[in-house]
């Protein structure tokens, strides 16, 4: 079970992401899409084109952590966003 501090914000990249990207590639995407520092301790979520895989990048006080999940059935539902929006902040309770 993962537990995150209460003040952690969650950012979702709404454009599909190449799941071959690892720490450095996702770190660069955070800078480009969200215009924030990946070392702030927030969660950054990335989904693939089929929306059946998600990667989460998180700074865990002493290093970057990368979590990866593949759904066996179904897809992740993304929030509706305006045209051209590549990243949004989402609420953990939604």
PDB file of N, CA and C in Angstrom:
ATOM      1  N   UNK A   1       0.839  -1.173   0.000  1.00  0.00           N
ATOM      2  CA  UNK A   1       0.000   0.000   0.000  1.00  0.00           C
ATOM      3  C   UNK A   1       0.888   1.243   0.000  1.00  0.00           C
ATOM      4  N   UNK A   2       0.554   2.158  -0.863  1.00  0.00           N
ATOM      5  CA  UNK A   2       1.267   3.426  -0.921  1.00  0.00           C
ATOM      6  C   UNK A   2       0.540   4.445  -0.066  1.00  0.00           C
ATOM      7  N   UNK A   3       1.290   5.242   0.650  1.00  0.00           N
ATOM      8  CA  UNK A   3       0.658   6.352   1.375  1.00  0.00           C
ATOM      9  C   UNK A   3       1.443   7.612   1.069  1.00  0.00           C
ATOM     10  N   UNK A   4       0.713   8.647   0.750  1.00  0.00           N
ATOM     11  CA  UNK A   4       1.307   9.911   0.368  1.00  0.00           C
ATOM     12  C   UNK A   4       0.902  10.983   1.371  1.00  0.00           C
ATOM     13  N   UNK A   5       1.729  11.989   1.563  1.00  0.00           N
ATOM     14  CA  UNK A   5       1.361  13.092   2.448  1.00  0.00           C
ATOM     15  C   UNK A   5       0.086  13.776   1.975  1.00  0.00           C
ATOM     16  N   UNK A   6      -0.634  14.384   2.896  1.00  0.00           N
ATOM     17  CA  UNK A   6      -1.913  15.018   2.579  1.00  0.00           C
ATOM     18  C   UNK A   6      -1.772  16.198   1.624  1.00  0.00           C
ATOM     19  N   UNK A   7      -0.627  16.843   1.615  1.00  0.00           N
ATOM     20  CA  UNK A   7      -0.460  18.033   0.774  1.00  0.00           C
ATOM     21  C   UNK A   7       0.016  17.706  -0.646  1.00  0.00           C
ATOM     22  N   UNK A   8       0.058  16.442  -1.017  1.00  0.00           N
ATOM     23  CA  UNK A   8       0.504  16.051  -2.351  1.00  0.00           C
ATOM     24  C   UNK A   8      -0.572  16.391  -3.377  1.00  0.00           C
ATOM     25  N   UNK A   9      -0.148  17.040  -4.455  1.00  0.00           N
ATOM     26  CA  UNK A   9      -1.046  17.355  -5.561  1.00  0.00           C
ATOM     27  C   UNK A   9      -0.857  16.299  -6.639  1.00  0.00           C
ATOM     28  N   UNK A  10      -1.904  16.078  -7.438  1.00  0.00           N
ATOM     29  CA  UNK A  10      -1.871  15.048  -8.467  1.00  0.00           C
ATOM     30  C   UNK A  10      -2.072  15.706  -9.826  1.00  0.00           C
ATOM     31  N   UNK A  11      -1.106  15.482 -10.713  1.00  0.00           N
ATOM     32  CA  UNK A  11      -1.156  16.047 -12.052  1.00  0.00           C
ATOM     33  C   UNK A  11      -1.266  14.914 -13.065  1.00  0.00           C
ATOM     34  N   UNK A  12      -2.143  15.088 -14.056  1.00  0.00           N
ATOM     35  CA  UNK A  12      -2.365  14.081 -15.085  1.00  0.00           C
ATOM     36  C   UNK A  12      -2.008  14.654 -16.443  1.00  0.00           C
ATOM     37  N   UNK A  13      -1.141  13.960 -17.161  1.00  0.00           N
ATOM     38  CA  UNK A  13      -0.802  14.323 -18.531  1.00  0.00           C
ATOM     39  C   UNK A  13      -1.884  13.724 -19.423  1.00  0.00           C
ATOM     40  N   UNK A  14      -2.674  14.557 -20.092  1.00  0.00           N
ATOM     41  CA  UNK A  14      -3.817  14.074 -20.860  1.00  0.00           C
ATOM     42  C   UNK A  14      -3.451  13.607 -22.256  1.00  0.00           C
ATOM     43  N   UNK A  15      -2.257  13.944 -22.726  1.00  0.00           N
ATOM     44  CA  UNK A  15      -1.838  13.412 -24.031  1.00  0.00           C
ATOM     45  C   UNK A  15      -1.184  12.061 -23.803  1.00  0.00           C
ATOM     46  N   UNK A  16      -1.315  11.168 -24.781  1.00  0.00           N
ATOM     47  CA  UNK A  16      -0.746   9.830 -24.601  1.00  0.00           C
ATOM     48  C   UNK A  16       0.774   9.910 -24.503  1.00  0.00           C
ATOM     49  N   UNK A  17       1.324   9.042 -23.679  1.00  0.00           N
ATOM     50  CA  UNK A  17       2.753   9.037 -23.386  1.00  0.00           C
ATOM     51  C   UNK A  17       3.355   7.704 -23.811  1.00  0.00           C
ATOM     52  N   UNK A  18       4.544   7.768 -24.353  1.00  0.00           N
ATOM     53  CA  UNK A  18       5.291   6.568 -24.712  1.00  0.00           C
ATOM     54  C   UNK A  18       5.721   5.877 -23.414  1.00  0.00           C
ATOM     55  N   UNK A  19       5.207   4.690 -23.168  1.00  0.00           N
ATOM     56  CA  UNK A  19       5.478   3.985 -21.920  1.00  0.00           C
ATOM     57  C   UNK A  19       6.903   3.437 -21.840  1.00  0.00           C
ATOM     58  N   UNK A  20       7.698   3.621 -22.896  1.00  0.00           N
ATOM     59  CA  UNK A  20       9.107   3.243 -22.817  1.00  0.00           C
ATOM     60  C   UNK A  20       9.911   4.289 -22.053  1.00  0.00           C
ATOM     61  N   UNK A  21       9.315   5.470 -21.844  1.00  0.00           N
ATOM     62  CA  UNK A  21      10.010   6.522 -21.101  1.00  0.00           C
ATOM     63  C   UNK A  21      10.205   6.090 -19.653  1.00  0.00           C
ATOM     64  N   UNK A  22      11.340   6.444 -19.121  1.00  0.00           N
ATOM     65  CA  UNK A  22      11.632   6.130 -17.729  1.00  0.00           C
ATOM     66  C   UNK A  22      11.842   7.432 -16.964  1.00  0.00           C
ATOM     67  N   UNK A  23      12.669   7.413 -15.965  1.00  0.00           N
ATOM     68  CA  UNK A  23      12.854   8.558 -15.080  1.00  0.00           C
ATOM     69  C   UNK A  23      13.181   9.846 -15.831  1.00  0.00           C
ATOM     70  N   UNK A  24      14.198   9.822 -16.663  1.00  0.00           N
ATOM     71  CA  UNK A  24      14.646  11.043 -17.325  1.00  0.00           C
ATOM     72  C   UNK A  24      13.622  11.566 -18.330  1.00  0.00           C
ATOM     73  N   UNK A  25      13.036  10.671 -19.110  1.00  0.00           N
ATOM     74  CA  UNK A  25      12.039  11.085 -20.091  1.00  0.00           C
ATOM     75  C   UNK A  25      10.801  11.665 -19.442  1.00  0.00           C
ATOM     76  N   UNK A  26      10.321  11.042 -18.372  1.00  0.00           N
ATOM     77  CA  UNK A  26       9.141  11.557 -17.671  1.00  0.00           C
ATOM     78  C   UNK A  26       9.468  12.844 -16.917  1.00  0.00           C
ATOM     79  N   UNK A  27      10.670  12.936 -16.384  1.00  0.00           N
ATOM     80  CA  UNK A  27      11.126  14.159 -15.716  1.00  0.00           C
ATOM     81  C   UNK A  27      11.045  15.333 -16.693  1.00  0.00           C
ATOM     82  N   UNK A  28      11.499  15.118 -17.924  1.00  0.00           N
ATOM     83  CA  UNK A  28      11.441  16.157 -18.952  1.00  0.00           C
ATOM     84  C   UNK A  28      10.000  16.506 -19.298  1.00  0.00           C
ATOM     85  N   UNK A  29       9.133  15.510 -19.396  1.00  0.00           N
ATOM     86  CA  UNK A  29       7.719  15.779 -19.678  1.00  0.00           C
ATOM     87  C   UNK A  29       7.073  16.619 -18.579  1.00  0.00           C
ATOM     88  N   UNK A  30       7.407  16.355 -17.335  1.00  0.00           N
ATOM     89  CA  UNK A  30       6.856  17.148 -16.231  1.00  0.00           C
ATOM     90  C   UNK A  30       7.234  18.616 -16.406  1.00  0.00           C
ATOM     91  N   UNK A  31       8.476  18.857 -16.728  1.00  0.00           N
ATOM     92  CA  UNK A  31       8.940  20.236 -16.946  1.00  0.00           C
ATOM     93  C   UNK A  31       8.223  20.896 -18.119  1.00  0.00           C
ATOM     94  N   UNK A  32       8.015  20.157 -19.217  1.00  0.00           N
ATOM     95  CA  UNK A  32       7.402  20.719 -20.415  1.00  0.00           C
ATOM     96  C   UNK A  32       5.891  20.896 -20.278  1.00  0.00           C
ATOM     97  N   UNK A  33       5.206  19.886 -19.783  1.00  0.00           N
ATOM     98  CA  UNK A  33       3.744  19.892 -19.746  1.00  0.00           C
ATOM     99  C   UNK A  33       3.202  20.694 -18.564  1.00  0.00           C
ATOM    100  N   UNK A  34       3.750  20.467 -17.373  1.00  0.00           N
ATOM    101  CA  UNK A  34       3.204  21.085 -16.169  1.00  0.00           C
ATOM    102  C   UNK A  34       3.960  22.339 -15.743  1.00  0.00           C
ATOM    103  N   UNK A  35       5.116  22.551 -16.323  1.00  0.00           N
ATOM    104  CA  UNK A  35       5.945  23.721 -16.012  1.00  0.00           C
ATOM    105  C   UNK A  35       6.205  23.832 -14.503  1.00  0.00           C
ATOM    106  N   UNK A  36       6.550  22.704 -13.920  1.00  0.00           N
ATOM    107  CA  UNK A  36       6.837  22.653 -12.488  1.00  0.00           C
ATOM    108  C   UNK A  36       8.042  21.749 -12.249  1.00  0.00           C
ATOM    109  N   UNK A  37       8.521  21.770 -11.037  1.00  0.00           N
ATOM    110  CA  UNK A  37       9.684  20.969 -10.669  1.00  0.00           C
ATOM    111  C   UNK A  37       9.240  19.576 -10.218  1.00  0.00           C
ATOM    112  N   UNK A  38       9.704  18.519 -10.866  1.00  0.00           N
ATOM    113  CA  UNK A  38       9.308  17.166 -10.467  1.00  0.00           C
ATOM    114  C   UNK A  38       9.768  16.798  -9.056  1.00  0.00           C
ATOM    115  N   UNK A  39      10.686  17.551  -8.494  1.00  0.00           N
ATOM    116  CA  UNK A  39      11.200  17.250  -7.162  1.00  0.00           C
ATOM    117  C   UNK A  39      10.398  17.928  -6.053  1.00  0.00           C
ATOM    118  N   UNK A  40       9.231  18.481  -6.390  1.00  0.00           N
ATOM    119  CA  UNK A  40       8.366  19.126  -5.398  1.00  0.00           C
ATOM    120  C   UNK A  40       7.604  18.126  -4.534  1.00  0.00           C
ATOM    121  N   UNK A  41       7.617  16.845  -4.902  1.00  0.00           N
ATOM    122  CA  UNK A  41       6.934  15.832  -4.101  1.00  0.00           C
ATOM    123  C   UNK A  41       5.518  15.536  -4.528  1.00  0.00           C
ATOM    124  N   UNK A  42       5.103  16.040  -5.687  1.00  0.00           N
ATOM    125  CA  UNK A  42       3.756  15.787  -6.187  1.00  0.00           C
ATOM    126  C   UNK A  42       3.753  14.547  -7.075  1.00  0.00           C
ATOM    127  N   UNK A  43       2.558  14.019  -7.362  1.00  0.00           N
ATOM    128  CA  UNK A  43       2.406  12.857  -8.230  1.00  0.00           C
ATOM    129  C   UNK A  43       2.149  13.315  -9.659  1.00  0.00           C
ATOM    130  N   UNK A  44       2.822  12.700 -10.604  1.00  0.00           N
ATOM    131  CA  UNK A  44       2.650  13.015 -12.011  1.00  0.00           C
ATOM    132  C   UNK A  44       2.258  11.731 -12.724  1.00  0.00           C
ATOM    133  N   UNK A  45       1.052  11.712 -13.302  1.00  0.00           N
ATOM    134  CA  UNK A  45       0.499  10.522 -13.931  1.00  0.00           C
ATOM    135  C   UNK A  45       0.567  10.634 -15.449  1.00  0.00           C
ATOM    136  N   UNK A  46       0.922   9.526 -16.092  1.00  0.00           N
ATOM    137  CA  UNK A  46       1.031   9.450 -17.543  1.00  0.00           C
ATOM    138  C   UNK A  46       0.334   8.186 -18.010  1.00  0.00           C
ATOM    139  N   UNK A  47      -0.484   8.287 -19.067  1.00  0.00           N
ATOM    140  CA  UNK A  47      -1.193   7.127 -19.615  1.00  0.00           C
ATOM    141  C   UNK A  47      -0.774   6.898 -21.060  1.00  0.00           C
ATOM    142  N   UNK A  48      -0.911   5.647 -21.506  1.00  0.00           N
ATOM    143  CA  UNK A  48      -0.583   5.334 -22.893  1.00  0.00           C
ATOM    144  C   UNK A  48      -1.787   5.609 -23.798  1.00  0.00           C
ATOM    145  N   UNK A  49      -1.607   5.395 -25.101  1.00  0.00           N
ATOM    146  CA  UNK A  49      -2.648   5.705 -26.081  1.00  0.00           C
ATOM    147  C   UNK A  49      -3.902   4.867 -25.865  1.00  0.00           C
ATOM    148  N   UNK A  50      -3.747   3.587 -25.528  1.00  0.00           N
ATOM    149  CA  UNK A  50      -4.907   2.712 -25.311  1.00  0.00           C
ATOM    150  C   UNK A  50      -5.557   2.920 -23.944  1.00  0.00           C
ATOM    151  N   UNK A  51      -4.898   3.690 -23.089  1.00  0.00           N
ATOM    152  CA  UNK A  51      -5.374   4.013 -21.738  1.00  0.00           C
ATOM    153  C   UNK A  51      -5.549   2.767 -20.868  1.00  0.00           C
ATOM    154  N   UNK A  52      -4.674   1.781 -21.068  1.00  0.00           N
ATOM    155  CA  UNK A  52      -4.716   0.596 -20.208  1.00  0.00           C
ATOM    156  C   UNK A  52      -3.470   0.485 -19.332  1.00  0.00           C
ATOM    157  N   UNK A  53      -2.580   1.484 -19.420  1.00  0.00           N
ATOM    158  CA  UNK A  53      -1.370   1.502 -18.606  1.00  0.00           C
ATOM    159  C   UNK A  53      -1.157   2.914 -18.062  1.00  0.00           C
ATOM    160  N   UNK A  54      -0.627   2.971 -16.866  1.00  0.00           N
ATOM    161  CA  UNK A  54      -0.346   4.262 -16.247  1.00  0.00           C
ATOM    162  C   UNK A  54       1.022   4.183 -15.563  1.00  0.00           C
ATOM    163  N   UNK A  55       1.765   5.274 -15.658  1.00  0.00           N
ATOM    164  CA  UNK A  55       3.017   5.421 -14.918  1.00  0.00           C
ATOM    165  C   UNK A  55       2.871   6.637 -14.023  1.00  0.00           C
ATOM    166  N   UNK A  56       3.393   6.513 -12.813  1.00  0.00           N
ATOM    167  CA  UNK A  56       3.349   7.605 -11.840  1.00  0.00           C
ATOM    168  C   UNK A  56       4.778   7.928 -11.435  1.00  0.00           C
ATOM    169  N   UNK A  57       5.135   9.178 -11.576  1.00  0.00           N
ATOM    170  CA  UNK A  57       6.451   9.654 -11.166  1.00  0.00           C
ATOM    171  C   UNK A  57       6.279  10.458  -9.890  1.00  0.00           C
ATOM    172  N   UNK A  58       7.107  10.152  -8.882  1.00  0.00           N
ATOM    173  CA  UNK A  58       6.983  10.808  -7.578  1.00  0.00           C
ATOM    174  C   UNK A  58       8.351  10.956  -6.940  1.00  0.00           C
ATOM    175  N   UNK A  59       8.620  12.117  -6.407  1.00  0.00           N
ATOM    176  CA  UNK A  59       9.843  12.364  -5.646  1.00  0.00           C
ATOM    177  C   UNK A  59       9.583  11.939  -4.211  1.00  0.00           C
ATOM    178  N   UNK A  60      10.316  10.946  -3.752  1.00  0.00           N
ATOM    179  CA  UNK A  60      10.101  10.355  -2.435  1.00  0.00           C
ATOM    180  C   UNK A  60      11.206  10.773  -1.458  1.00  0.00           C
ATOM    181  N   UNK A  61      11.402  12.040  -1.273  1.00  0.00           N
ATOM    182  CA  UNK A  61      12.366  12.652  -0.350  1.00  0.00           C
ATOM    183  C   UNK A  61      13.825  12.299  -0.617  1.00  0.00           C
ATOM    184  N   UNK A  62      14.122  11.097  -1.086  1.00  0.00           N
ATOM    185  CA  UNK A  62      15.521  10.739  -1.324  1.00  0.00           C
ATOM    186  C   UNK A  62      15.777  10.248  -2.750  1.00  0.00           C
ATOM    187  N   UNK A  63      14.781  10.302  -3.595  1.00  0.00           N
ATOM    188  CA  UNK A  63      14.949   9.887  -4.985  1.00  0.00           C
ATOM    189  C   UNK A  63      13.613   9.785  -5.696  1.00  0.00           C
ATOM    190  N   UNK A  64      13.683   9.696  -7.013  1.00  0.00           N
ATOM    191  CA  UNK A  64      12.470   9.535  -7.804  1.00  0.00           C
ATOM    192  C   UNK A  64      11.982   8.094  -7.729  1.00  0.00           C
ATOM    193  N   UNK A  65      10.682   7.933  -7.609  1.00  0.00           N
ATOM    194  CA  UNK A  65      10.058   6.613  -7.628  1.00  0.00           C
ATOM    195  C   UNK A  65       9.156   6.548  -8.850  1.00  0.00           C
ATOM    196  N   UNK A  66       9.119   5.393  -9.477  1.00  0.00           N
ATOM    197  CA  UNK A  66       8.311   5.190 -10.664  1.00  0.00           C
ATOM    198  C   UNK A  66       7.399   3.993 -10.424  1.00  0.00           C
ATOM    199  N   UNK A  67       6.098   4.213 -10.524  1.00  0.00           N
ATOM    200  CA  UNK A  67       5.105   3.156 -10.355  1.00  0.00           C
ATOM    201  C   UNK A  67       4.445   2.921 -11.701  1.00  0.00           C
ATOM    202  N   UNK A  68       4.188   1.669 -12.027  1.00  0.00           N
ATOM    203  CA  UNK A  68       3.666   1.290 -13.331  1.00  0.00           C
ATOM    204  C   UNK A  68       2.548   0.276 -13.128  1.00  0.00           C
ATOM    205  N   UNK A  69       1.397   0.513 -13.781  1.00  0.00           N
ATOM    206  CA  UNK A  69       0.292  -0.433 -13.648  1.00  0.00           C
ATOM    207  C   UNK A  69      -0.314  -0.693 -15.015  1.00  0.00           C
ATOM    208  N   UNK A  70      -0.614  -1.974 -15.264  1.00  0.00           N
ATOM    209  CA  UNK A  70      -1.269  -2.390 -16.500  1.00  0.00           C
ATOM    210  C   UNK A  70      -2.597  -3.038 -16.138  1.00  0.00           C
ATOM    211  N   UNK A  71      -3.669  -2.559 -16.747  1.00  0.00           N
ATOM    212  CA  UNK A  71      -4.975  -3.160 -16.531  1.00  0.00           C
ATOM    213  C   UNK A  71      -5.112  -4.407 -17.390  1.00  0.00           C
ATOM    214  N   UNK A  72      -5.659  -5.451 -16.844  1.00  0.00           N
ATOM    215  CA  UNK A  72      -5.905  -6.673 -17.614  1.00  0.00           C
ATOM    216  C   UNK A  72      -7.166  -6.547 -18.457  1.00  0.00           C
ATOM    217  N   UNK A  73      -8.105  -5.727 -17.990  1.00  0.00           N
ATOM    218  CA  UNK A  73      -9.342  -5.504 -18.740  1.00  0.00           C
ATOM    219  C   UNK A  73      -9.780  -4.064 -18.499  1.00  0.00           C
ATOM    220  N   UNK A  74     -10.369  -3.457 -19.510  1.00  0.00           N
ATOM    221  CA  UNK A  74     -10.885  -2.105 -19.371  1.00  0.00           C
ATOM    222  C   UNK A  74      -9.816  -1.052 -19.621  1.00  0.00           C
ATOM    223  N   UNK A  75     -10.216   0.193 -19.420  1.00  0.00           N
ATOM    224  CA  UNK A  75      -9.322   1.328 -19.641  1.00  0.00           C
ATOM    225  C   UNK A  75      -9.529   2.363 -18.549  1.00  0.00           C
ATOM    226  N   UNK A  76      -8.529   3.226 -18.396  1.00  0.00           N
ATOM    227  CA  UNK A  76      -8.664   4.354 -17.485  1.00  0.00           C
ATOM    228  C   UNK A  76      -9.507   5.430 -18.148  1.00  0.00           C
ATOM    229  N   UNK A  77     -10.368   6.057 -17.379  1.00  0.00           N
ATOM    230  CA  UNK A  77     -11.189   7.145 -17.887  1.00  0.00           C
ATOM    231  C   UNK A  77     -10.495   8.461 -17.556  1.00  0.00           C
ATOM    232  N   UNK A  78     -10.292   9.281 -18.578  1.00  0.00           N
ATOM    233  CA  UNK A  78      -9.632  10.570 -18.383  1.00  0.00           C
ATOM    234  C   UNK A  78     -10.669  11.669 -18.275  1.00  0.00           C
ATOM    235  N   UNK A  79     -10.388  12.714 -17.512  1.00  0.00           N
ATOM    236  CA  UNK A  79     -11.332  13.821 -17.412  1.00  0.00           C
ATOM    237  C   UNK A  79     -11.402  14.589 -18.733  1.00  0.00           C
ATOM    238  N   UNK A  80     -12.548  15.165 -19.018  1.00  0.00           N
ATOM    239  CA  UNK A  80     -12.720  15.985 -20.216  1.00  0.00           C
ATOM    240  C   UNK A  80     -11.965  17.299 -20.021  1.00  0.00           C
ATOM    241  N   UNK A  81     -11.152  17.659 -21.001  1.00  0.00           N
ATOM    242  CA  UNK A  81     -10.376  18.897 -20.947  1.00  0.00           C
ATOM    243  C   UNK A  81     -10.539  19.645 -22.253  1.00  0.00           C
ATOM    244  N   UNK A  82     -10.200  20.931 -22.236  1.00  0.00           N
ATOM    245  CA  UNK A  82     -10.289  21.756 -23.431  1.00  0.00           C
ATOM    246  C   UNK A  82      -9.252  21.384 -24.465  1.00  0.00           C
ATOM    247  N   UNK A  83      -9.453  21.884 -25.667  1.00  0.00           N
ATOM    248  CA  UNK A  83      -8.518  21.624 -26.764  1.00  0.00           C
ATOM    249  C   UNK A  83      -7.146  22.186 -26.447  1.00  0.00           C
ATOM    250  N   UNK A  84      -6.131  21.396 -26.750  1.00  0.00           N
ATOM    251  CA  UNK A  84      -4.758  21.844 -26.564  1.00  0.00           C
ATOM    252  C   UNK A  84      -4.227  21.695 -25.152  1.00  0.00           C
ATOM    253  N   UNK A  85      -5.066  21.293 -24.212  1.00  0.00           N
ATOM    254  CA  UNK A  85      -4.617  21.112 -22.835  1.00  0.00           C
ATOM    255  C   UNK A  85      -3.899  19.773 -22.717  1.00  0.00           C
ATOM    256  N   UNK A  86      -2.649  19.823 -22.297  1.00  0.00           N
ATOM    257  CA  UNK A  86      -1.856  18.594 -22.184  1.00  0.00           C
ATOM    258  C   UNK A  86      -1.760  18.077 -20.764  1.00  0.00           C
ATOM    259  N   UNK A  87      -2.036  18.920 -19.787  1.00  0.00           N
ATOM    260  CA  UNK A  87      -1.920  18.498 -18.403  1.00  0.00           C
ATOM    261  C   UNK A  87      -2.931  19.188 -17.524  1.00  0.00           C
ATOM    262  N   UNK A  88      -3.472  18.449 -16.562  1.00  0.00           N
ATOM    263  CA  UNK A  88      -4.448  19.001 -15.627  1.00  0.00           C
ATOM    264  C   UNK A  88      -4.126  18.514 -14.225  1.00  0.00           C
ATOM    265  N   UNK A  89      -4.592  19.269 -13.262  1.00  0.00           N
ATOM    266  CA  UNK A  89      -4.498  18.817 -11.866  1.00  0.00           C
ATOM    267  C   UNK A  89      -5.815  18.145 -11.529  1.00  0.00           C
ATOM    268  N   UNK A  90      -5.732  16.973 -10.902  1.00  0.00           N
ATOM    269  CA  UNK A  90      -6.949  16.252 -10.542  1.00  0.00           C
ATOM    270  C   UNK A  90      -7.018  16.122  -9.028  1.00  0.00           C
ATOM    271  N   UNK A  91      -8.199  15.807  -8.540  1.00  0.00           N
ATOM    272  CA  UNK A  91      -8.462  15.665  -7.117  1.00  0.00           C
ATOM    273  C   UNK A  91      -8.408  14.187  -6.753  1.00  0.00           C
ATOM    274  N   UNK A  92      -7.765  13.855  -5.684  1.00  0.00           N
ATOM    275  CA  UNK A  92      -7.616  12.457  -5.262  1.00  0.00           C
ATOM    276  C   UNK A  92      -8.946  11.829  -4.881  1.00  0.00           C
ATOM    277  N   UNK A  93      -9.941  12.612  -4.520  1.00  0.00           N
ATOM    278  CA  UNK A  93     -11.219  12.065  -4.095  1.00  0.00           C
ATOM    279  C   UNK A  93     -12.147  11.771  -5.253  1.00  0.00           C
ATOM    280  N   UNK A  94     -11.834  12.252  -6.441  1.00  0.00           N
ATOM    281  CA  UNK A  94     -12.725  12.060  -7.591  1.00  0.00           C
ATOM    282  C   UNK A  94     -12.620  10.669  -8.170  1.00  0.00           C
TER     283      UNK A  94
END
